[in-house]
Amino acid sequence: METKIECTAPSVRLGEKNYPCTIAVAMDLIGGKWKAVILYHLKEGEKRFSELRKDLYSVTETTLSIQLKQLENDGLISKVVYGEKPPLVAIYSLTDLGKSFLPILDALTQWGNKIVLEKGTFLTE
């Protein structure tokens, strides 16, 4: 089957959901304020929840948990839990599907950098 570049189908189905086109599928998987940022922070390797929380310092724990669960359910990240009693340690990493998003993520990062260079300011800590 040939991969289509255009969003030409009247509708598509993934799992139990119907979408108007494939771009809607992609946006459902990576859309939202934090999903792409989480994937960005996992591109160098696995991280604990606490490390992601530190990297994304302005996200609440609840929101981070929800976004991680959605990414895991959609197959973009995997979660491995170590320990039998609290405190448990959860380690998150990219799956092959998540890794396939990295070239797009790099392009989005470059585009974001270009916009900030032209219209904004890079802040230092």
PDB file of N, CA and C in Angstrom:
ATOM      1  N   MET A   1       0.833  -1.180   0.000  1.00  0.00           N
ATOM      2  CA  MET A   1       0.000   0.000   0.000  1.00  0.00           C
ATOM      3  C   MET A   1       0.880   1.245   0.000  1.00  0.00           C
ATOM      4  N   GLU A   2       0.562   2.184  -0.833  1.00  0.00           N
ATOM      5  CA  GLU A   2       1.329   3.414  -0.966  1.00  0.00           C
ATOM      6  C   GLU A   2       0.972   4.394   0.152  1.00  0.00           C
ATOM      7  N   THR A   3       2.003   5.036   0.729  1.00  0.00           N
ATOM      8  CA  THR A   3       1.769   6.047   1.755  1.00  0.00           C
ATOM      9  C   THR A   3       1.341   7.339   1.087  1.00  0.00           C
ATOM     10  N   LYS A   4       0.247   7.898   1.556  1.00  0.00           N
ATOM     11  CA  LYS A   4      -0.250   9.148   0.990  1.00  0.00           C
ATOM     12  C   LYS A   4       0.391  10.328   1.705  1.00  0.00           C
ATOM     13  N   ILE A   5       0.741  11.354   0.951  1.00  0.00           N
ATOM     14  CA  ILE A   5       1.295  12.571   1.521  1.00  0.00           C
ATOM     15  C   ILE A   5       0.185  13.573   1.794  1.00  0.00           C
ATOM     16  N   GLU A   6      -0.832  13.572   0.973  1.00  0.00           N
ATOM     17  CA  GLU A   6      -1.942  14.501   1.149  1.00  0.00           C
ATOM     18  C   GLU A   6      -2.963  13.912   2.117  1.00  0.00           C
ATOM     19  N   CYS A   7      -3.762  14.805   2.681  1.00  0.00           N
ATOM     20  CA  CYS A   7      -4.858  14.397   3.557  1.00  0.00           C
ATOM     21  C   CYS A   7      -6.111  14.313   2.691  1.00  0.00           C
ATOM     22  N   THR A   8      -6.220  13.233   1.902  1.00  0.00           N
ATOM     23  CA  THR A   8      -7.254  13.177   0.868  1.00  0.00           C
ATOM     24  C   THR A   8      -8.434  12.277   1.200  1.00  0.00           C
ATOM     25  N   ALA A   9      -8.289  11.397   2.175  1.00  0.00           N
ATOM     26  CA  ALA A   9      -9.397  10.489   2.490  1.00  0.00           C
ATOM     27  C   ALA A   9     -10.526  11.261   3.163  1.00  0.00           C
ATOM     28  N   PRO A  10     -11.771  10.902   2.869  1.00  0.00           N
ATOM     29  CA  PRO A  10     -12.893  11.584   3.515  1.00  0.00           C
ATOM     30  C   PRO A  10     -12.907  11.346   5.022  1.00  0.00           C
ATOM     31  N   SER A  11     -12.406  10.200   5.457  1.00  0.00           N
ATOM     32  CA  SER A  11     -12.257   9.934   6.887  1.00  0.00           C
ATOM     33  C   SER A  11     -11.355   8.722   7.066  1.00  0.00           C
ATOM     34  N   VAL A  12     -10.793   8.614   8.256  1.00  0.00           N
ATOM     35  CA  VAL A  12      -9.930   7.485   8.593  1.00  0.00           C
ATOM     36  C   VAL A  12     -10.304   6.994   9.989  1.00  0.00           C
ATOM     37  N   ARG A  13      -9.912   5.764  10.285  1.00  0.00           N
ATOM     38  CA  ARG A  13     -10.183   5.196  11.605  1.00  0.00           C
ATOM     39  C   ARG A  13      -8.864   4.704  12.188  1.00  0.00           C
ATOM     40  N   LEU A  14      -8.668   4.999  13.470  1.00  0.00           N
ATOM     41  CA  LEU A  14      -7.541   4.458  14.225  1.00  0.00           C
ATOM     42  C   LEU A  14      -8.107   3.973  15.550  1.00  0.00           C
ATOM     43  N   GLY A  15      -7.990   2.687  15.789  1.00  0.00           N
ATOM     44  CA  GLY A  15      -8.607   2.122  16.988  1.00  0.00           C
ATOM     45  C   GLY A  15     -10.113   2.281  16.911  1.00  0.00           C
ATOM     46  N   GLU A  16     -10.681   2.880  17.926  1.00  0.00           N
ATOM     47  CA  GLU A  16     -12.129   3.089  17.980  1.00  0.00           C
ATOM     48  C   GLU A  16     -12.537   4.483  17.526  1.00  0.00           C
ATOM     49  N   LYS A  17     -11.570   5.308  17.117  1.00  0.00           N
ATOM     50  CA  LYS A  17     -11.869   6.697  16.766  1.00  0.00           C
ATOM     51  C   LYS A  17     -11.888   6.909  15.261  1.00  0.00           C
ATOM     52  N   ASN A  18     -12.810   7.745  14.820  1.00  0.00           N
ATOM     53  CA  ASN A  18     -12.847   8.200  13.432  1.00  0.00           C
ATOM     54  C   ASN A  18     -12.281   9.610  13.375  1.00  0.00           C
ATOM     55  N   TYR A  19     -11.563   9.901  12.306  1.00  0.00           N
ATOM     56  CA  TYR A  19     -10.945  11.210  12.114  1.00  0.00           C
ATOM     57  C   TYR A  19     -11.268  11.709  10.711  1.00  0.00           C
ATOM     58  N   PRO A  20     -11.287  13.034  10.516  1.00  0.00           N
ATOM     59  CA  PRO A  20     -11.559  13.562   9.183  1.00  0.00           C
ATOM     60  C   PRO A  20     -10.409  13.324   8.209  1.00  0.00           C
ATOM     61  N   CYS A  21      -9.171  13.198   8.730  1.00  0.00           N
ATOM     62  CA  CYS A  21      -8.010  12.933   7.877  1.00  0.00           C
ATOM     63  C   CYS A  21      -6.826  12.536   8.751  1.00  0.00           C
ATOM     64  N   THR A  22      -5.727  12.169   8.121  1.00  0.00           N
ATOM     65  CA  THR A  22      -4.575  11.668   8.866  1.00  0.00           C
ATOM     66  C   THR A  22      -3.885  12.741   9.702  1.00  0.00           C
ATOM     67  N   ILE A  23      -3.952  13.998   9.316  1.00  0.00           N
ATOM     68  CA  ILE A  23      -3.358  15.049  10.150  1.00  0.00           C
ATOM     69  C   ILE A  23      -4.088  15.129  11.486  1.00  0.00           C
ATOM     70  N   ALA A  24      -5.382  14.858  11.487  1.00  0.00           N
ATOM     71  CA  ALA A  24      -6.147  14.838  12.739  1.00  0.00           C
ATOM     72  C   ALA A  24      -5.682  13.693  13.641  1.00  0.00           C
ATOM     73  N   VAL A  25      -5.315  12.556  13.030  1.00  0.00           N
ATOM     74  CA  VAL A  25      -4.763  11.439  13.800  1.00  0.00           C
ATOM     75  C   VAL A  25      -3.464  11.886  14.468  1.00  0.00           C
ATOM     76  N   ALA A  26      -2.569  12.469  13.685  1.00  0.00           N
ATOM     77  CA  ALA A  26      -1.279  12.913  14.212  1.00  0.00           C
ATOM     78  C   ALA A  26      -1.458  13.937  15.328  1.00  0.00           C
ATOM     79  N   MET A  27      -2.341  14.892  15.129  1.00  0.00           N
ATOM     80  CA  MET A  27      -2.549  15.930  16.141  1.00  0.00           C
ATOM     81  C   MET A  27      -3.186  15.358  17.406  1.00  0.00           C
ATOM     82  N   ASP A  28      -4.016  14.346  17.263  1.00  0.00           N
ATOM     83  CA  ASP A  28      -4.595  13.702  18.441  1.00  0.00           C
ATOM     84  C   ASP A  28      -3.500  13.010  19.252  1.00  0.00           C
ATOM     85  N   LEU A  29      -2.541  12.412  18.563  1.00  0.00           N
ATOM     86  CA  LEU A  29      -1.465  11.702  19.247  1.00  0.00           C
ATOM     87  C   LEU A  29      -0.475  12.643  19.927  1.00  0.00           C
ATOM     88  N   ILE A  30      -0.139  13.753  19.299  1.00  0.00           N
ATOM     89  CA  ILE A  30       0.912  14.625  19.846  1.00  0.00           C
ATOM     90  C   ILE A  30       0.405  16.003  20.242  1.00  0.00           C
ATOM     91  N   GLY A  31      -0.895  16.257  20.034  1.00  0.00           N
ATOM     92  CA  GLY A  31      -1.455  17.559  20.363  1.00  0.00           C
ATOM     93  C   GLY A  31      -1.549  17.767  21.860  1.00  0.00           C
ATOM     94  N   GLY A  32      -1.824  18.973  22.238  1.00  0.00           N
ATOM     95  CA  GLY A  32      -1.862  19.326  23.648  1.00  0.00           C
ATOM     96  C   GLY A  32      -0.613  20.096  24.003  1.00  0.00           C
ATOM     97  N   LYS A  33      -0.689  20.817  25.082  1.00  0.00           N
ATOM     98  CA  LYS A  33       0.397  21.725  25.453  1.00  0.00           C
ATOM     99  C   LYS A  33       1.704  21.006  25.779  1.00  0.00           C
ATOM    100  N   TRP A  34       1.643  19.795  26.344  1.00  0.00           N
ATOM    101  CA  TRP A  34       2.846  19.188  26.893  1.00  0.00           C
ATOM    102  C   TRP A  34       3.349  17.949  26.175  1.00  0.00           C
ATOM    103  N   LYS A  35       2.557  17.310  25.340  1.00  0.00           N
ATOM    104  CA  LYS A  35       2.968  16.023  24.768  1.00  0.00           C
ATOM    105  C   LYS A  35       4.259  16.115  23.959  1.00  0.00           C
ATOM    106  N   ALA A  36       4.353  17.058  23.052  1.00  0.00           N
ATOM    107  CA  ALA A  36       5.570  17.181  22.238  1.00  0.00           C
ATOM    108  C   ALA A  36       6.763  17.559  23.107  1.00  0.00           C
ATOM    109  N   VAL A  37       6.529  18.360  24.135  1.00  0.00           N
ATOM    110  CA  VAL A  37       7.614  18.763  25.038  1.00  0.00           C
ATOM    111  C   VAL A  37       8.106  17.550  25.833  1.00  0.00           C
ATOM    112  N   ILE A  38       7.191  16.710  26.264  1.00  0.00           N
ATOM    113  CA  ILE A  38       7.573  15.474  26.959  1.00  0.00           C
ATOM    114  C   ILE A  38       8.410  14.600  26.030  1.00  0.00           C
ATOM    115  N   LEU A  39       7.954  14.420  24.802  1.00  0.00           N
ATOM    116  CA  LEU A  39       8.710  13.616  23.836  1.00  0.00           C
ATOM    117  C   LEU A  39      10.095  14.212  23.599  1.00  0.00           C
ATOM    118  N   TYR A  40      10.176  15.533  23.533  1.00  0.00           N
ATOM    119  CA  TYR A  40      11.466  16.216  23.356  1.00  0.00           C
ATOM    120  C   TYR A  40      12.416  15.856  24.503  1.00  0.00           C
ATOM    121  N   HIS A  41      11.914  15.876  25.717  1.00  0.00           N
ATOM    122  CA  HIS A  41      12.768  15.598  26.874  1.00  0.00           C
ATOM    123  C   HIS A  41      13.119  14.120  27.016  1.00  0.00           C
ATOM    124  N   LEU A  42      12.399  13.259  26.326  1.00  0.00           N
ATOM    125  CA  LEU A  42      12.728  11.830  26.343  1.00  0.00           C
ATOM    126  C   LEU A  42      13.612  11.413  25.174  1.00  0.00           C
ATOM    127  N   LYS A  43      13.910  12.338  24.269  1.00  0.00           N
ATOM    128  CA  LYS A  43      14.653  11.944  23.072  1.00  0.00           C
ATOM    129  C   LYS A  43      16.090  11.525  23.365  1.00  0.00           C
ATOM    130  N   GLU A  44      16.656  11.990  24.472  1.00  0.00           N
ATOM    131  CA  GLU A  44      18.029  11.618  24.824  1.00  0.00           C
ATOM    132  C   GLU A  44      18.092  10.344  25.658  1.00  0.00           C
ATOM    133  N   GLY A  45      16.927   9.840  26.075  1.00  0.00           N
ATOM    134  CA  GLY A  45      16.920   8.607  26.855  1.00  0.00           C
ATOM    135  C   GLY A  45      15.845   8.612  27.919  1.00  0.00           C
ATOM    136  N   GLU A  46      15.825   7.546  28.692  1.00  0.00           N
ATOM    137  CA  GLU A  46      14.773   7.368  29.681  1.00  0.00           C
ATOM    138  C   GLU A  46      14.890   8.366  30.833  1.00  0.00           C
ATOM    139  N   LYS A  47      13.733   8.651  31.428  1.00  0.00           N
ATOM    140  CA  LYS A  47      13.679   9.576  32.560  1.00  0.00           C
ATOM    141  C   LYS A  47      12.625   9.126  33.556  1.00  0.00           C
ATOM    142  N   ARG A  48      12.870   9.478  34.806  1.00  0.00           N
ATOM    143  CA  ARG A  48      11.887   9.269  35.861  1.00  0.00           C
ATOM    144  C   ARG A  48      10.841  10.371  35.802  1.00  0.00           C
ATOM    145  N   PHE A  49       9.709  10.110  36.451  1.00  0.00           N
ATOM    146  CA  PHE A  49       8.656  11.114  36.542  1.00  0.00           C
ATOM    147  C   PHE A  49       9.214  12.400  37.149  1.00  0.00           C
ATOM    148  N   SER A  50       9.995  12.274  38.221  1.00  0.00           N
ATOM    149  CA  SER A  50      10.532  13.457  38.907  1.00  0.00           C
ATOM    150  C   SER A  50      11.464  14.262  38.004  1.00  0.00           C
ATOM    151  N   GLU A  51      12.198  13.590  37.131  1.00  0.00           N
ATOM    152  CA  GLU A  51      13.080  14.297  36.197  1.00  0.00           C
ATOM    153  C   GLU A  51      12.265  15.063  35.162  1.00  0.00           C
ATOM    154  N   LEU A  52      11.214  14.432  34.660  1.00  0.00           N
ATOM    155  CA  LEU A  52      10.338  15.124  33.705  1.00  0.00           C
ATOM    156  C   LEU A  52       9.654  16.307  34.375  1.00  0.00           C
ATOM    157  N   ARG A  53       9.236  16.118  35.609  1.00  0.00           N
ATOM    158  CA  ARG A  53       8.582  17.203  36.357  1.00  0.00           C
ATOM    159  C   ARG A  53       9.532  18.386  36.505  1.00  0.00           C
ATOM    160  N   LYS A  54      10.803  18.108  36.739  1.00  0.00           N
ATOM    161  CA  LYS A  54      11.810  19.169  36.861  1.00  0.00           C
ATOM    162  C   LYS A  54      12.052  19.844  35.512  1.00  0.00           C
ATOM    163  N   ASP A  55      12.121  19.047  34.437  1.00  0.00           N
ATOM    164  CA  ASP A  55      12.328  19.599  33.094  1.00  0.00           C
ATOM    165  C   ASP A  55      11.167  20.493  32.674  1.00  0.00           C
ATOM    166  N   LEU A  56       9.965  20.097  33.026  1.00  0.00           N
ATOM    167  CA  LEU A  56       8.752  20.831  32.657  1.00  0.00           C
ATOM    168  C   LEU A  56       8.229  21.536  33.910  1.00  0.00           C
ATOM    169  N   TYR A  57       9.019  22.432  34.438  1.00  0.00           N
ATOM    170  CA  TYR A  57       8.770  23.009  35.758  1.00  0.00           C
ATOM    171  C   TYR A  57       7.434  23.724  35.909  1.00  0.00           C
ATOM    172  N   SER A  58       6.805  24.149  34.831  1.00  0.00           N
ATOM    173  CA  SER A  58       5.537  24.868  34.968  1.00  0.00           C
ATOM    174  C   SER A  58       4.306  23.981  34.780  1.00  0.00           C
ATOM    175  N   VAL A  59       4.496  22.685  34.607  1.00  0.00           N
ATOM    176  CA  VAL A  59       3.367  21.762  34.475  1.00  0.00           C
ATOM    177  C   VAL A  59       3.028  21.201  35.858  1.00  0.00           C
ATOM    178  N   THR A  60       1.745  21.008  36.123  1.00  0.00           N
ATOM    179  CA  THR A  60       1.355  20.402  37.392  1.00  0.00           C
ATOM    180  C   THR A  60       1.588  18.898  37.330  1.00  0.00           C
ATOM    181  N   GLU A  61       1.722  18.275  38.491  1.00  0.00           N
ATOM    182  CA  GLU A  61       1.920  16.828  38.535  1.00  0.00           C
ATOM    183  C   GLU A  61       0.739  16.091  37.918  1.00  0.00           C
ATOM    184  N   THR A  62      -0.465  16.585  38.180  1.00  0.00           N
ATOM    185  CA  THR A  62      -1.665  15.946  37.632  1.00  0.00           C
ATOM    186  C   THR A  62      -1.663  15.994  36.110  1.00  0.00           C
ATOM    187  N   THR A  63      -1.376  17.167  35.557  1.00  0.00           N
ATOM    188  CA  THR A  63      -1.350  17.317  34.101  1.00  0.00           C
ATOM    189  C   THR A  63      -0.258  16.453  33.490  1.00  0.00           C
ATOM    190  N   LEU A  64       0.914  16.440  34.098  1.00  0.00           N
ATOM    191  CA  LEU A  64       2.007  15.604  33.591  1.00  0.00           C
ATOM    192  C   LEU A  64       1.601  14.132  33.614  1.00  0.00           C
ATOM    193  N   SER A  65       0.983  13.696  34.688  1.00  0.00           N
ATOM    194  CA  SER A  65       0.526  12.304  34.785  1.00  0.00           C
ATOM    195  C   SER A  65      -0.468  11.961  33.685  1.00  0.00           C
ATOM    196  N   ILE A  66      -1.415  12.860  33.436  1.00  0.00           N
ATOM    197  CA  ILE A  66      -2.425  12.633  32.398  1.00  0.00           C
ATOM    198  C   ILE A  66      -1.775  12.549  31.023  1.00  0.00           C
ATOM    199  N   GLN A  67      -0.879  13.497  30.725  1.00  0.00           N
ATOM    200  CA  GLN A  67      -0.228  13.524  29.417  1.00  0.00           C
ATOM    201  C   GLN A  67       0.647  12.286  29.213  1.00  0.00           C
ATOM    202  N   LEU A  68       1.372  11.874  30.259  1.00  0.00           N
ATOM    203  CA  LEU A  68       2.191  10.665  30.165  1.00  0.00           C
ATOM    204  C   LEU A  68       1.320   9.439  29.918  1.00  0.00           C
ATOM    205  N   LYS A  69       0.204   9.347  30.612  1.00  0.00           N
ATOM    206  CA  LYS A  69      -0.706   8.210  30.432  1.00  0.00           C
ATOM    207  C   LYS A  69      -1.256   8.178  29.007  1.00  0.00           C
ATOM    208  N   GLN A  70      -1.618   9.346  28.463  1.00  0.00           N
ATOM    209  CA  GLN A  70      -2.118   9.403  27.089  1.00  0.00           C
ATOM    210  C   GLN A  70      -1.042   8.983  26.095  1.00  0.00           C
ATOM    211  N   LEU A  71       0.177   9.471  26.281  1.00  0.00           N
ATOM    212  CA  LEU A  71       1.280   9.087  25.394  1.00  0.00           C
ATOM    213  C   LEU A  71       1.561   7.584  25.488  1.00  0.00           C
ATOM    214  N   GLU A  72       1.468   7.043  26.691  1.00  0.00           N
ATOM    215  CA  GLU A  72       1.663   5.605  26.878  1.00  0.00           C
ATOM    216  C   GLU A  72       0.534   4.816  26.212  1.00  0.00           C
ATOM    217  N   ASN A  73      -0.700   5.233  26.426  1.00  0.00           N
ATOM    218  CA  ASN A  73      -1.848   4.547  25.815  1.00  0.00           C
ATOM    219  C   ASN A  73      -1.792   4.586  24.294  1.00  0.00           C
ATOM    220  N   ASP A  74      -1.252   5.676  23.737  1.00  0.00           N
ATOM    221  CA  ASP A  74      -1.154   5.821  22.285  1.00  0.00           C
ATOM    222  C   ASP A  74       0.095   5.162  21.707  1.00  0.00           C
ATOM    223  N   GLY A  75       0.933   4.588  22.569  1.00  0.00           N
ATOM    224  CA  GLY A  75       2.088   3.836  22.100  1.00  0.00           C
ATOM    225  C   GLY A  75       3.315   4.661  21.766  1.00  0.00           C
ATOM    226  N   LEU A  76       3.346   5.932  22.180  1.00  0.00           N
ATOM    227  CA  LEU A  76       4.505   6.779  21.891  1.00  0.00           C
ATOM    228  C   LEU A  76       5.600   6.653  22.943  1.00  0.00           C
ATOM    229  N   ILE A  77       5.225   6.311  24.164  1.00  0.00           N
ATOM    230  CA  ILE A  77       6.208   6.098  25.225  1.00  0.00           C
ATOM    231  C   ILE A  77       5.879   4.801  25.950  1.00  0.00           C
ATOM    232  N   SER A  78       6.881   4.287  26.650  1.00  0.00           N
ATOM    233  CA  SER A  78       6.649   3.130  27.512  1.00  0.00           C
ATOM    234  C   SER A  78       6.998   3.517  28.940  1.00  0.00           C
ATOM    235  N   LYS A  79       6.386   2.821  29.862  1.00  0.00           N
ATOM    236  CA  LYS A  79       6.600   3.072  31.288  1.00  0.00           C
ATOM    237  C   LYS A  79       6.959   1.747  31.939  1.00  0.00           C
ATOM    238  N   VAL A  80       8.057   1.752  32.682  1.00  0.00           N
ATOM    239  CA  VAL A  80       8.458   0.585  33.452  1.00  0.00           C
ATOM    240  C   VAL A  80       8.489   1.010  34.910  1.00  0.00           C
ATOM    241  N   VAL A  81       7.822   0.244  35.769  1.00  0.00           N
ATOM    242  CA  VAL A  81       7.762   0.560  37.194  1.00  0.00           C
ATOM    243  C   VAL A  81       8.661  -0.413  37.942  1.00  0.00           C
ATOM    244  N   TYR A  82       9.535   0.140  38.770  1.00  0.00           N
ATOM    245  CA  TYR A  82      10.440  -0.652  39.591  1.00  0.00           C
ATOM    246  C   TYR A  82      10.011  -0.542  41.046  1.00  0.00           C
ATOM    247  N   GLY A  83      10.132  -1.642  41.754  1.00  0.00           N
ATOM    248  CA  GLY A  83       9.767  -1.670  43.166  1.00  0.00           C
ATOM    249  C   GLY A  83       8.429  -2.348  43.359  1.00  0.00           C
ATOM    250  N   GLU A  84       8.230  -2.843  44.567  1.00  0.00           N
ATOM    251  CA  GLU A  84       6.985  -3.532  44.870  1.00  0.00           C
ATOM    252  C   GLU A  84       6.114  -2.748  45.830  1.00  0.00           C
ATOM    253  N   LYS A  85       6.706  -1.889  46.626  1.00  0.00           N
ATOM    254  CA  LYS A  85       5.959  -1.071  47.572  1.00  0.00           C
ATOM    255  C   LYS A  85       6.337   0.383  47.337  1.00  0.00           C
ATOM    256  N   PRO A  86       5.441   1.283  47.686  1.00  0.00           N
ATOM    257  CA  PRO A  86       5.813   2.702  47.572  1.00  0.00           C
ATOM    258  C   PRO A  86       7.027   2.984  48.445  1.00  0.00           C
ATOM    259  N   PRO A  87       7.946   3.808  48.002  1.00  0.00           N
ATOM    260  CA  PRO A  87       7.849   4.581  46.761  1.00  0.00           C
ATOM    261  C   PRO A  87       8.282   3.761  45.546  1.00  0.00           C
ATOM    262  N   LEU A  88       7.420   3.660  44.571  1.00  0.00           N
ATOM    263  CA  LEU A  88       7.731   3.007  43.308  1.00  0.00           C
ATOM    264  C   LEU A  88       8.459   3.997  42.411  1.00  0.00           C
ATOM    265  N   VAL A  89       9.275   3.476  41.518  1.00  0.00           N
ATOM    266  CA  VAL A  89       9.991   4.328  40.574  1.00  0.00           C
ATOM    267  C   VAL A  89       9.486   4.012  39.170  1.00  0.00           C
ATOM    268  N   ALA A  90       8.963   5.019  38.488  1.00  0.00           N
ATOM    269  CA  ALA A  90       8.486   4.863  37.110  1.00  0.00           C
ATOM    270  C   ALA A  90       9.514   5.469  36.168  1.00  0.00           C
ATOM    271  N   ILE A  91       9.918   4.694  35.174  1.00  0.00           N
ATOM    272  CA  ILE A  91      10.874   5.148  34.168  1.00  0.00           C
ATOM    273  C   ILE A  91      10.148   5.203  32.829  1.00  0.00           C
ATOM    274  N   TYR A  92      10.245   6.343  32.153  1.00  0.00           N
ATOM    275  CA  TYR A  92       9.587   6.556  30.863  1.00  0.00           C
ATOM    276  C   TYR A  92      10.634   6.611  29.764  1.00  0.00           C
ATOM    277  N   SER A  93      10.288   6.060  28.603  1.00  0.00           N
ATOM    278  CA  SER A  93      11.179   6.122  27.440  1.00  0.00           C
ATOM    279  C   SER A  93      10.342   6.092  26.167  1.00  0.00           C
ATOM    280  N   LEU A  94      10.964   6.509  25.075  1.00  0.00           N
ATOM    281  CA  LEU A  94      10.288   6.505  23.782  1.00  0.00           C
ATOM    282  C   LEU A  94      10.182   5.088  23.234  1.00  0.00           C
ATOM    283  N   THR A  95       9.066   4.786  22.620  1.00  0.00           N
ATOM    284  CA  THR A  95       8.907   3.540  21.872  1.00  0.00           C
ATOM    285  C   THR A  95       9.411   3.787  20.446  1.00  0.00           C
ATOM    286  N   ASP A  96       9.369   2.773  19.623  1.00  0.00           N
ATOM    287  CA  ASP A  96       9.737   2.964  18.214  1.00  0.00           C
ATOM    288  C   ASP A  96       8.816   3.982  17.548  1.00  0.00           C
ATOM    289  N   LEU A  97       7.527   3.934  17.885  1.00  0.00           N
ATOM    290  CA  LEU A  97       6.596   4.922  17.333  1.00  0.00           C
ATOM    291  C   LEU A  97       6.973   6.325  17.794  1.00  0.00           C
ATOM    292  N   GLY A  98       7.312   6.474  19.062  1.00  0.00           N
ATOM    293  CA  GLY A  98       7.745   7.770  19.574  1.00  0.00           C
ATOM    294  C   GLY A  98       9.022   8.249  18.902  1.00  0.00           C
ATOM    295  N   LYS A  99       9.959   7.329  18.682  1.00  0.00           N
ATOM    296  CA  LYS A  99      11.215   7.684  18.006  1.00  0.00           C
ATOM    297  C   LYS A  99      10.966   8.105  16.563  1.00  0.00           C
ATOM    298  N   SER A 100       9.931   7.552  15.944  1.00  0.00           N
ATOM    299  CA  SER A 100       9.630   7.932  14.555  1.00  0.00           C
ATOM    300  C   SER A 100       9.153   9.377  14.449  1.00  0.00           C
ATOM    301  N   PHE A 101       8.750   9.963  15.573  1.00  0.00           N
ATOM    302  CA  PHE A 101       8.316  11.362  15.612  1.00  0.00           C
ATOM    303  C   PHE A 101       9.498  12.328  15.746  1.00  0.00           C
ATOM    304  N   LEU A 102      10.681  11.841  16.092  1.00  0.00           N
ATOM    305  CA  LEU A 102      11.826  12.720  16.362  1.00  0.00           C
ATOM    306  C   LEU A 102      12.211  13.637  15.203  1.00  0.00           C
ATOM    307  N   PRO A 103      12.237  13.183  13.943  1.00  0.00           N
ATOM    308  CA  PRO A 103      12.557  14.130  12.865  1.00  0.00           C
ATOM    309  C   PRO A 103      11.546  15.284  12.779  1.00  0.00           C
ATOM    310  N   ILE A 104      10.288  14.985  13.029  1.00  0.00           N
ATOM    311  CA  ILE A 104       9.257  16.032  13.019  1.00  0.00           C
ATOM    312  C   ILE A 104       9.460  16.954  14.210  1.00  0.00           C
ATOM    313  N   LEU A 105       9.789  16.378  15.357  1.00  0.00           N
ATOM    314  CA  LEU A 105      10.050  17.163  16.558  1.00  0.00           C
ATOM    315  C   LEU A 105      11.248  18.089  16.357  1.00  0.00           C
ATOM    316  N   ASP A 106      12.292  17.583  15.704  1.00  0.00           N
ATOM    317  CA  ASP A 106      13.459  18.426  15.407  1.00  0.00           C
ATOM    318  C   ASP A 106      13.073  19.586  14.494  1.00  0.00           C
ATOM    319  N   ALA A 107      12.238  19.314  13.495  1.00  0.00           N
ATOM    320  CA  ALA A 107      11.778  20.380  12.596  1.00  0.00           C
ATOM    321  C   ALA A 107      10.941  21.407  13.358  1.00  0.00           C
ATOM    322  N   LEU A 108      10.078  20.956  14.258  1.00  0.00           N
ATOM    323  CA  LEU A 108       9.282  21.883  15.073  1.00  0.00           C
ATOM    324  C   LEU A 108      10.175  22.729  15.977  1.00  0.00           C
ATOM    325  N   THR A 109      11.218  22.103  16.532  1.00  0.00           N
ATOM    326  CA  THR A 109      12.161  22.831  17.383  1.00  0.00           C
ATOM    327  C   THR A 109      12.877  23.914  16.585  1.00  0.00           C
ATOM    328  N   GLN A 110      13.341  23.576  15.390  1.00  0.00           N
ATOM    329  CA  GLN A 110      14.005  24.572  14.531  1.00  0.00           C
ATOM    330  C   GLN A 110      13.051  25.705  14.180  1.00  0.00           C
ATOM    331  N   TRP A 111      11.822  25.371  13.869  1.00  0.00           N
ATOM    332  CA  TRP A 111      10.820  26.384  13.529  1.00  0.00           C
ATOM    333  C   TRP A 111      10.562  27.287  14.730  1.00  0.00           C
ATOM    334  N   GLY A 112      10.416  26.694  15.911  1.00  0.00           N
ATOM    335  CA  GLY A 112      10.224  27.483  17.129  1.00  0.00           C
ATOM    336  C   GLY A 112      11.408  28.393  17.403  1.00  0.00           C
ATOM    337  N   ASN A 113      12.631  27.882  17.217  1.00  0.00           N
ATOM    338  CA  ASN A 113      13.832  28.705  17.396  1.00  0.00           C
ATOM    339  C   ASN A 113      13.830  29.888  16.438  1.00  0.00           C
ATOM    340  N   LYS A 114      13.450  29.645  15.196  1.00  0.00           N
ATOM    341  CA  LYS A 114      13.408  30.710  14.187  1.00  0.00           C
ATOM    342  C   LYS A 114      12.413  31.796  14.590  1.00  0.00           C
ATOM    343  N   ILE A 115      11.246  31.394  15.060  1.00  0.00           N
ATOM    344  CA  ILE A 115      10.229  32.366  15.467  1.00  0.00           C
ATOM    345  C   ILE A 115      10.722  33.202  16.640  1.00  0.00           C
ATOM    346  N   VAL A 116      11.337  32.549  17.634  1.00  0.00           N
ATOM    347  CA  VAL A 116      11.837  33.292  18.794  1.00  0.00           C
ATOM    348  C   VAL A 116      12.962  34.233  18.376  1.00  0.00           C
ATOM    349  N   LEU A 117      13.850  33.793  17.487  1.00  0.00           N
ATOM    350  CA  LEU A 117      14.920  34.672  17.004  1.00  0.00           C
ATOM    351  C   LEU A 117      14.364  35.912  16.319  1.00  0.00           C
ATOM    352  N   GLU A 118      13.292  35.733  15.556  1.00  0.00           N
ATOM    353  CA  GLU A 118      12.711  36.846  14.806  1.00  0.00           C
ATOM    354  C   GLU A 118      11.801  37.735  15.647  1.00  0.00           C
ATOM    355  N   LYS A 119      11.091  37.146  16.605  1.00  0.00           N
ATOM    356  CA  LYS A 119      10.032  37.902  17.272  1.00  0.00           C
ATOM    357  C   LYS A 119      10.090  37.892  18.792  1.00  0.00           C
ATOM    358  N   GLY A 120      11.025  37.165  19.370  1.00  0.00           N
ATOM    359  CA  GLY A 120      11.020  37.021  20.820  1.00  0.00           C
ATOM    360  C   GLY A 120      12.407  37.120  21.409  1.00  0.00           C
ATOM    361  N   THR A 121      12.562  36.524  22.568  1.00  0.00           N
ATOM    362  CA  THR A 121      13.818  36.559  23.299  1.00  0.00           C
ATOM    363  C   THR A 121      14.046  35.213  23.965  1.00  0.00           C
ATOM    364  N   PHE A 122      15.252  34.701  23.865  1.00  0.00           N
ATOM    365  CA  PHE A 122      15.624  33.507  24.606  1.00  0.00           C
ATOM    366  C   PHE A 122      16.003  33.942  26.016  1.00  0.00           C
ATOM    367  N   LEU A 123      15.399  33.331  27.018  1.00  0.00           N
ATOM    368  CA  LEU A 123      15.667  33.677  28.409  1.00  0.00           C
ATOM    369  C   LEU A 123      16.692  32.717  28.981  1.00  0.00           C
ATOM    370  N   THR A 124      17.535  33.215  29.866  1.00  0.00           N
ATOM    371  CA  THR A 124      18.503  32.359  30.544  1.00  0.00           C
ATOM    372  C   THR A 124      18.087  32.229  31.999  1.00  0.00           C
ATOM    373  N   GLU A 125      18.497  31.124  32.591  1.00  0.00           N
ATOM    374  CA  GLU A 125      18.107  30.886  33.990  1.00  0.00           C
ATOM    375  C   GLU A 125      18.956  31.693  34.928  1.00  0.00           C
TER     376      GLU A 125
END
